[in-house]
């Protein structure tokens, strides 16, 4: 079997690296040279698509022909984007806003080569329990909110904040696996282990 080139992940996220390792996909990592701007009133799907595309394009020159994956994730509730909290006070305010409600975790994925790119988005619905003020304070004090869209990390202590998840759980962690696998199956059938293997010869 011919070896496939490793994917190039345009990300500084350890969660995204861990998910690709979990899938057994070959990949290398390059930190993207891209600055995110997240207006709270932005359209969440357009926002994550644009950021994913910007991250992928920023490393395409270093790809040496390998497929590049750019990903961006945000949280949206009632039309408001909950991006990364700037400080503990903002993190607490976000958690209070999400308490007892169902929000969407929206991710954009850009799969690109020098010849083409495809950009799509996926969403997962997450319902929080009603949080006591002491729970909000304890979670913020843990520091786990830092660098997390919506000010929580579902794969760690943040799991205790959540009542229900509808959709791709790993999307909430940071990478919509079902979407990425579909794109790999469509664009590289069989090459990375997904989709029909093309006939020999």
Protein backbone atom coordinates (compact mmCIF):
# COMPACT_ATOMS: atom_id res chain seq x y z
CA UNK A 1 0.00 0.00 0.00
CA UNK A 2 1.38 3.40 -0.99
CA UNK A 3 2.05 5.67 1.97
CA UNK A 4 -0.13 8.75 2.02
CA UNK A 5 1.34 12.16 2.82
CA UNK A 6 0.67 13.34 6.37
CA UNK A 7 -2.00 15.96 6.76
CA UNK A 8 -0.73 19.37 7.82
CA UNK A 9 -2.78 20.65 10.75
CA UNK A 10 -2.83 24.45 10.91
CA UNK A 11 -3.41 24.72 14.64
CA UNK A 12 -1.85 25.43 18.03
CA UNK A 13 -4.54 23.37 19.79
CA UNK A 14 -3.37 20.30 21.73
CA UNK A 15 -6.97 19.01 21.67
CA UNK A 16 -7.04 18.91 17.87
CA UNK A 17 -3.70 17.12 17.77
CA UNK A 18 -4.98 14.58 20.30
CA UNK A 19 -8.11 13.90 18.24
CA UNK A 20 -6.11 13.26 15.05
CA UNK A 21 -3.85 10.92 17.04
CA UNK A 22 -6.97 9.16 18.34
CA UNK A 23 -8.10 8.60 14.74
CA UNK A 24 -4.69 7.22 13.79
CA UNK A 25 -4.26 9.76 11.00
CA UNK A 26 -0.76 10.73 9.91
CA UNK A 27 -0.19 14.44 10.41
CA UNK A 28 2.27 17.22 11.13
CA UNK A 29 1.50 20.52 12.83
CA UNK A 30 2.28 24.10 11.86
CA UNK A 31 1.01 27.00 13.93
CA UNK A 32 -1.04 29.26 11.65
CA UNK A 33 0.00 32.83 11.01
CA UNK A 34 -3.53 34.17 11.28
CA UNK A 35 -5.18 36.63 13.67
CA UNK A 36 -8.77 35.88 14.70
CA UNK A 37 -11.32 38.61 15.28
CA UNK A 38 -14.59 37.49 16.88
CA UNK A 39 -17.30 40.19 17.01
CA UNK A 40 -20.05 39.04 19.40
CA UNK A 41 -22.75 39.84 16.83
CA UNK A 42 -21.07 37.95 13.95
CA UNK A 43 -22.78 35.14 12.06
CA UNK A 44 -21.19 32.14 13.78
CA UNK A 45 -21.06 29.83 10.76
CA UNK A 46 -19.57 32.45 8.47
CA UNK A 47 -17.09 33.37 11.20
CA UNK A 48 -15.73 29.86 11.75
CA UNK A 49 -15.60 29.16 8.02
CA UNK A 50 -13.57 32.32 7.48
CA UNK A 51 -11.19 31.58 10.35
CA UNK A 52 -10.69 27.95 9.27
CA UNK A 53 -9.95 29.10 5.74
CA UNK A 54 -7.57 31.82 6.95
CA UNK A 55 -5.64 29.37 9.13
CA UNK A 56 -5.32 26.82 6.31
CA UNK A 57 -4.24 29.39 3.74
CA UNK A 58 -1.63 30.84 6.11
CA UNK A 59 0.36 27.57 6.12
CA UNK A 60 -0.31 26.36 2.59
CA UNK A 61 3.11 27.55 1.45
CA UNK A 62 4.75 25.18 3.94
CA UNK A 63 2.59 22.22 2.95
CA UNK A 64 4.85 20.87 0.18
CA UNK A 65 1.83 19.33 -1.54
CA UNK A 66 0.30 17.83 1.60
CA UNK A 67 -3.39 18.44 2.37
CA UNK A 68 -3.84 21.21 4.93
CA UNK A 69 -6.55 21.17 7.60
CA UNK A 70 -7.67 24.43 9.21
CA UNK A 71 -10.27 24.39 11.98
CA UNK A 72 -12.03 27.02 14.03
CA UNK A 73 -14.65 26.57 16.75
CA UNK A 74 -16.93 28.96 18.58
CA UNK A 75 -20.00 28.93 20.80
CA UNK A 76 -23.22 30.74 19.95
CA UNK A 77 -26.36 31.37 21.99
CA UNK A 78 -29.31 33.52 20.95
CA UNK A 79 -27.29 35.14 18.17
CA UNK A 80 -24.34 36.03 20.39
CA UNK A 81 -20.90 34.56 19.76
CA UNK A 82 -19.15 33.40 22.92
CA UNK A 83 -15.49 33.33 21.85
CA UNK A 84 -12.52 33.04 24.19
CA UNK A 85 -12.94 35.00 27.43
CA UNK A 86 -10.43 37.78 27.97
CA UNK A 87 -10.33 37.36 31.75
CA UNK A 88 -11.91 35.54 34.69
CA UNK A 89 -14.72 38.08 34.99
CA UNK A 90 -15.76 37.61 31.37
CA UNK A 91 -15.49 33.82 31.76
CA UNK A 92 -17.87 33.90 34.72
CA UNK A 93 -20.28 36.10 32.76
CA UNK A 94 -20.24 33.65 29.86
CA UNK A 95 -20.92 30.66 32.11
CA UNK A 96 -23.83 32.46 33.76
CA UNK A 97 -25.23 33.18 30.30
CA UNK A 98 -24.96 29.53 29.25
CA UNK A 99 -26.38 28.17 32.54
CA UNK A 100 -29.61 26.23 32.05
CA UNK A 101 -29.69 26.87 28.29
CA UNK A 102 -28.91 25.05 25.07
CA UNK A 103 -26.19 26.58 22.91
CA UNK A 104 -24.53 25.57 19.66
CA UNK A 105 -20.87 24.72 19.25
CA UNK A 106 -20.09 25.63 15.64
CA UNK A 107 -16.90 24.61 13.85
CA UNK A 108 -15.53 25.40 10.43
CA UNK A 109 -13.18 23.03 8.63
CA UNK A 110 -11.06 23.94 5.62
CA UNK A 111 -9.36 21.11 3.72
CA UNK A 112 -6.99 22.58 1.17
CA UNK A 113 -4.24 21.80 -1.33
CA UNK A 114 -2.53 24.21 -3.74
CA UNK A 115 -5.10 23.18 -6.38
CA UNK A 116 -8.37 23.39 -4.43
CA UNK A 117 -10.01 24.03 -1.09
CA UNK A 118 -13.30 23.07 0.50
CA UNK A 119 -14.76 24.86 3.52
CA UNK A 120 -17.71 23.51 5.49
CA UNK A 121 -19.22 23.88 8.96
CA UNK A 122 -20.83 21.62 11.55
CA UNK A 123 -22.78 22.29 14.74
CA UNK A 124 -23.41 20.40 17.98
CA UNK A 125 -26.06 21.35 20.53
CA UNK A 126 -24.97 21.43 24.17
CA UNK A 127 -27.31 21.96 27.13
CA UNK A 128 -25.90 23.23 30.43
CA UNK A 129 -27.31 22.42 33.85
CA UNK A 130 -28.53 25.28 35.98
CA UNK A 131 -25.29 26.39 37.59
CA UNK A 132 -25.05 27.70 41.14
CA UNK A 133 -22.90 30.79 41.57
CA UNK A 134 -20.49 28.72 43.67
CA UNK A 135 -20.07 26.28 40.75
CA UNK A 136 -19.32 29.13 38.36
CA UNK A 137 -16.76 30.57 40.80
CA UNK A 138 -15.09 27.18 41.34
CA UNK A 139 -14.84 26.47 37.62
CA UNK A 140 -13.42 29.90 36.86
CA UNK A 141 -10.89 29.47 39.68
CA UNK A 142 -9.71 26.23 38.07
CA UNK A 143 -8.40 28.21 35.10
CA UNK A 144 -9.72 25.62 32.68
CA UNK A 145 -11.71 28.29 30.82
CA UNK A 146 -8.57 29.97 29.49
CA UNK A 147 -8.30 29.80 25.71
CA UNK A 148 -11.67 28.03 25.35
CA UNK A 149 -14.59 29.23 23.28
CA UNK A 150 -17.55 29.63 25.62
CA UNK A 151 -15.16 29.52 28.62
CA UNK A 152 -15.35 25.76 29.20
CA UNK A 153 -13.64 22.51 28.22
CA UNK A 154 -16.10 19.61 28.05
CA UNK A 155 -13.36 16.95 28.06
CA UNK A 156 -12.20 17.86 31.58
CA UNK A 157 -13.92 19.48 34.58
CA UNK A 158 -16.28 21.25 32.22
CA UNK A 159 -18.09 17.93 31.71
CA UNK A 160 -19.82 18.57 35.04
CA UNK A 161 -21.42 21.72 33.63
CA UNK A 162 -23.19 19.81 30.87
CA UNK A 163 -26.56 18.07 30.98
CA UNK A 164 -26.84 16.88 27.37
CA UNK A 165 -24.95 16.80 24.05
CA UNK A 166 -26.73 16.39 20.72
CA UNK A 167 -24.40 15.68 17.81
CA UNK A 168 -20.66 15.19 17.42
CA UNK A 169 -19.12 15.25 20.91
CA UNK A 170 -15.59 15.70 19.55
CA UNK A 171 -16.76 18.87 17.82
CA UNK A 172 -17.24 20.33 21.32
CA UNK A 173 -13.72 19.22 22.24
CA UNK A 174 -12.40 21.07 19.21
CA UNK A 175 -12.58 19.09 15.96
CA UNK A 176 -15.75 17.95 14.14
CA UNK A 177 -14.58 14.44 13.32
CA UNK A 178 -17.67 13.38 11.35
CA UNK A 179 -17.21 16.37 9.02
CA UNK A 180 -13.46 15.89 8.59
CA UNK A 181 -13.84 12.17 7.90
CA UNK A 182 -16.50 12.87 5.26
CA UNK A 183 -14.27 15.43 3.53
CA UNK A 184 -11.31 13.04 3.53
CA UNK A 185 -13.51 10.23 2.16
CA UNK A 186 -14.81 12.48 -0.62
CA UNK A 187 -11.51 14.09 -1.61
CA UNK A 188 -9.11 11.20 -0.94
CA UNK A 189 -11.26 8.05 -1.17
CA UNK A 190 -9.57 5.20 0.65
CA UNK A 191 -6.25 7.01 1.05
CA UNK A 192 -6.66 7.87 4.74
CA UNK A 193 -8.84 4.88 5.55
CA UNK A 194 -12.21 6.46 4.76
CA UNK A 195 -14.39 6.04 1.70
CA UNK A 196 -14.12 3.53 -1.11
CA UNK A 197 -10.62 2.43 -2.04
CA UNK A 198 -10.00 3.14 -5.73
CA UNK A 199 -9.42 0.03 -7.88
CA UNK A 200 -5.81 -1.00 -8.48
CA UNK A 201 -4.27 -0.29 -11.82
